[in-house]
Protein backbone atom coordinates (compact mmCIF):
# COMPACT_ATOMS: atom_id res chain seq x y z
CA MET A 1 -26.09 25.54 4.40
CA ARG A 2 -28.00 23.04 6.55
CA LYS A 3 -26.20 20.09 4.94
CA ARG A 4 -22.80 21.64 5.66
CA VAL A 5 -23.63 22.14 9.33
CA LEU A 6 -24.89 18.57 9.59
CA ALA A 7 -21.78 17.27 7.84
CA MET A 8 -19.54 19.27 10.19
CA ILE A 9 -21.36 17.93 13.25
CA VAL A 10 -21.02 14.35 12.02
CA LEU A 11 -17.34 14.89 11.26
CA VAL A 12 -16.66 16.35 14.73
CA VAL A 13 -18.51 13.47 16.42
CA VAL A 14 -16.55 10.88 14.44
CA ILE A 15 -13.19 12.51 15.12
CA PHE A 16 -13.68 13.10 18.83
CA GLY A 17 -15.61 9.88 19.36
CA THR A 18 -12.75 7.73 18.17
CA VAL A 19 -10.16 9.63 20.19
CA PHE A 20 -11.98 9.12 23.48
CA ALA A 21 -13.04 5.54 22.74
CA SER A 22 -9.58 4.18 22.00
CA ALA A 23 -7.84 2.29 24.79
CA VAL A 24 -4.30 3.15 25.77
CA THR A 25 -1.92 0.19 25.71
CA ASP A 26 1.67 0.16 26.84
CA PRO A 27 4.10 -1.02 24.11
CA ASP A 28 6.58 -2.07 26.83
CA VAL A 29 4.13 -4.59 28.35
CA THR A 30 3.11 -7.63 26.29
CA ILE A 31 0.92 -10.61 27.19
CA VAL A 32 2.94 -13.60 25.96
CA SER A 33 0.86 -16.41 27.39
CA PRO A 34 -1.91 -17.59 27.33
CA GLY A 35 -2.80 -17.77 23.65
CA GLU A 36 -6.32 -18.01 22.24
CA THR A 37 -6.92 -21.58 23.43
CA VAL A 38 -5.50 -23.48 26.40
CA TYR A 39 -6.01 -27.24 26.79
CA GLY A 40 -6.11 -28.75 30.26
CA SER A 41 -6.75 -27.27 33.69
CA ASN A 42 -3.42 -25.53 34.33
CA LEU A 43 -2.56 -22.07 33.05
CA LEU A 44 0.77 -20.30 32.73
CA VAL A 45 0.46 -16.53 32.67
CA SER A 46 3.53 -14.85 31.18
CA ILE A 47 3.96 -11.09 30.73
CA LYS A 48 7.01 -9.58 29.00
CA ILE A 49 8.16 -6.16 30.23
CA THR A 50 10.82 -4.35 28.18
CA ALA A 51 11.34 -1.31 30.44
CA PRO A 52 11.35 -0.67 34.19
CA LYS A 53 7.60 -0.72 34.92
CA LYS A 54 5.11 -1.61 37.61
CA ILE A 55 2.21 -3.82 36.51
CA LYS A 56 -0.89 -5.32 38.05
CA VAL A 57 -2.19 -8.64 36.67
CA TYR A 58 -5.83 -9.76 36.89
CA LEU A 59 -7.49 -13.01 35.78
CA PHE A 60 -11.25 -13.16 35.27
CA GLU A 61 -13.66 -15.86 34.16
CA GLU A 62 -16.27 -14.43 31.80
CA LYS A 63 -19.63 -15.88 32.80
CA GLU A 64 -23.00 -15.51 31.17
CA LYS A 65 -25.73 -13.92 33.24
CA VAL A 66 -28.89 -16.01 32.98
CA GLY A 67 -31.58 -14.51 35.15
CA ASP A 68 -29.98 -14.00 38.56
CA THR A 69 -27.29 -16.67 38.18
CA LEU A 70 -23.89 -16.65 36.52
CA VAL A 71 -23.16 -19.64 34.28
CA SER A 72 -19.77 -20.65 32.88
CA ILE A 73 -19.58 -20.58 29.10
CA ASP A 74 -19.20 -24.00 27.51
CA PRO A 75 -16.15 -23.78 25.22
CA SER A 76 -17.08 -26.89 23.25
CA VAL A 77 -20.24 -25.22 21.90
CA ASP A 78 -19.77 -22.77 19.04
CA SER A 79 -21.90 -19.79 19.93
CA SER A 80 -21.66 -16.06 19.49
CA LEU A 81 -20.77 -13.95 22.50
CA GLU A 82 -22.52 -10.90 21.06
CA SER A 83 -25.96 -11.98 22.19
CA LYS A 84 -24.82 -12.91 25.71
CA THR A 85 -24.60 -10.70 28.78
CA LEU A 86 -21.14 -11.35 30.18
CA GLN A 87 -19.95 -10.61 33.66
CA SER A 88 -16.34 -10.91 34.84
CA VAL A 89 -15.67 -12.93 37.98
CA SER A 90 -12.21 -12.64 39.54
CA VAL A 91 -10.30 -15.93 39.64
CA ILE A 92 -7.17 -14.77 41.49
CA LEU A 93 -6.29 -11.82 43.69
CA PRO A 94 -4.64 -9.16 41.52
CA GLU A 95 -0.85 -9.42 41.65
CA THR A 96 1.48 -6.44 41.46
CA TYR A 97 4.96 -6.81 39.98
CA THR A 98 7.67 -4.16 39.81
CA GLY A 99 10.38 -4.68 37.23
CA SER A 100 13.64 -2.78 37.38
CA ALA A 101 15.53 -4.13 34.36
CA SER A 102 15.14 -3.45 30.66
CA LEU A 103 13.84 -6.98 30.02
CA GLN A 104 12.00 -9.11 32.53
CA PHE A 105 9.09 -11.54 32.68
CA PHE A 106 6.24 -11.94 35.13
CA ASN A 107 5.20 -15.61 35.32
CA LYS A 108 2.48 -17.23 37.37
CA GLN A 109 1.03 -20.72 37.20
CA ILE A 110 -2.64 -21.17 38.04
CA VAL A 111 -3.94 -24.70 38.58
CA ASN A 112 -7.32 -26.41 38.62
CA LEU A 113 -9.22 -24.09 36.28
CA ASN A 114 -12.50 -25.26 34.80
CA PRO A 115 -13.26 -25.11 31.07
CA GLY A 116 -14.72 -21.78 30.03
CA LEU A 117 -14.03 -18.30 28.71
CA TYR A 118 -11.37 -16.33 30.61
CA ARG A 119 -9.82 -12.87 30.32
CA ILE A 120 -6.43 -11.69 31.48
CA ARG A 121 -5.90 -7.97 32.09
CA VAL A 122 -2.58 -6.23 32.69
CA ASP A 123 -2.53 -2.64 33.96
CA THR A 124 0.59 -0.47 33.85
CA LEU A 125 0.87 1.64 36.99
CA ASP A 126 2.72 4.90 37.60
CA ALA A 127 4.76 5.77 40.72
CA VAL A 128 1.69 6.53 42.85
CA GLY A 129 -0.20 3.41 41.73
CA ALA A 130 -2.58 5.00 39.24
CA MET A 131 -3.29 3.08 36.03
CA THR A 132 -1.67 4.63 32.96
CA ALA A 133 -2.31 1.86 30.40
CA SER A 134 -4.14 -1.43 30.16
CA SER A 135 -4.22 -4.44 27.87
CA SER A 136 -6.33 -7.57 27.97
CA ARG A 137 -6.84 -10.83 26.13
CA ARG A 138 -9.67 -13.36 26.13
CA PHE A 139 -8.94 -17.06 25.82
CA MET A 140 -10.76 -20.37 26.06
CA MET A 141 -9.88 -23.14 28.51
CA MET A 142 -10.71 -26.51 26.93
CA GLU A 143 -10.63 -30.05 28.26
CA ALA A 144 -7.28 -31.76 27.75
CA THR A 145 -9.05 -34.58 25.90
CA LEU A 146 -10.12 -32.10 23.18
CA ALA A 147 -6.52 -31.14 22.35
CA PRO A 148 -5.56 -31.79 18.73
CA SER A 149 -3.20 -34.69 18.22
CA SER A 150 0.23 -33.57 17.04
CA THR A 151 2.09 -36.87 17.30
CA ALA A 152 1.35 -37.91 13.70
CA ILE A 153 4.34 -35.89 12.48
CA PHE A 154 6.78 -37.96 14.50
CA GLN A 155 5.24 -41.33 13.66
CA THR A 156 5.62 -41.17 9.88
CA GLN A 157 8.20 -43.52 8.46
CA PRO A 158 10.55 -42.33 5.72
CA SER A 159 10.13 -43.72 2.21
CA GLY A 160 12.28 -46.60 0.97
CA ALA A 161 14.87 -44.42 -0.81
CA LEU A 162 15.16 -42.04 2.13
CA GLN A 163 15.50 -44.95 4.56
CA TRP A 164 18.29 -46.42 2.41
CA VAL A 165 20.18 -43.06 2.43
CA GLN A 166 19.77 -42.77 6.21
CA ASN A 167 21.08 -46.29 6.74
CA LEU A 168 24.05 -45.59 4.43
CA LEU A 169 24.93 -42.42 6.37
CA LYS A 170 24.61 -44.27 9.69
CA THR A 171 27.00 -47.00 8.54
CA LEU A 172 29.51 -44.44 7.26
CA PHE A 173 29.43 -41.99 10.17
CA GLY A 174 27.86 -44.02 13.00
CA ASN A 175 24.90 -42.98 15.10
């Protein structure tokens, strides 16, 4: 009897605990950009809205609290965020956008950001301005010099047989 009561309590806690802990996201509002990693100091924030909605966009830098000071997180060092005490510092004033069409985009360029860990948050607002849903994404800003080189694809020369076929086609059909 005691085991059944304990099992029922655990089951009720698990069921109701997950219901209240889940965040509500709006399927009509999607964060398109930024991705997981951004190289450089400029950021393009792009939000896709597929229904007439009102949104509020926030950008925060996640800083580590060390004693009484807040320190930017070094993105070039691989370290776990689980052991760090993070605090969000607002980078821009929150911007509100009201879309009236069935497909629209909110775009904003932010310049001169320092390398570090950032978080974008988008809140969906109702008619009176109360938040009804929220979504967020963390991303790393890295130095532009650390960007992977992707020009090797365009610098490869075709093999001898392929080059011969290309030259033949160029002579037959022109450039």
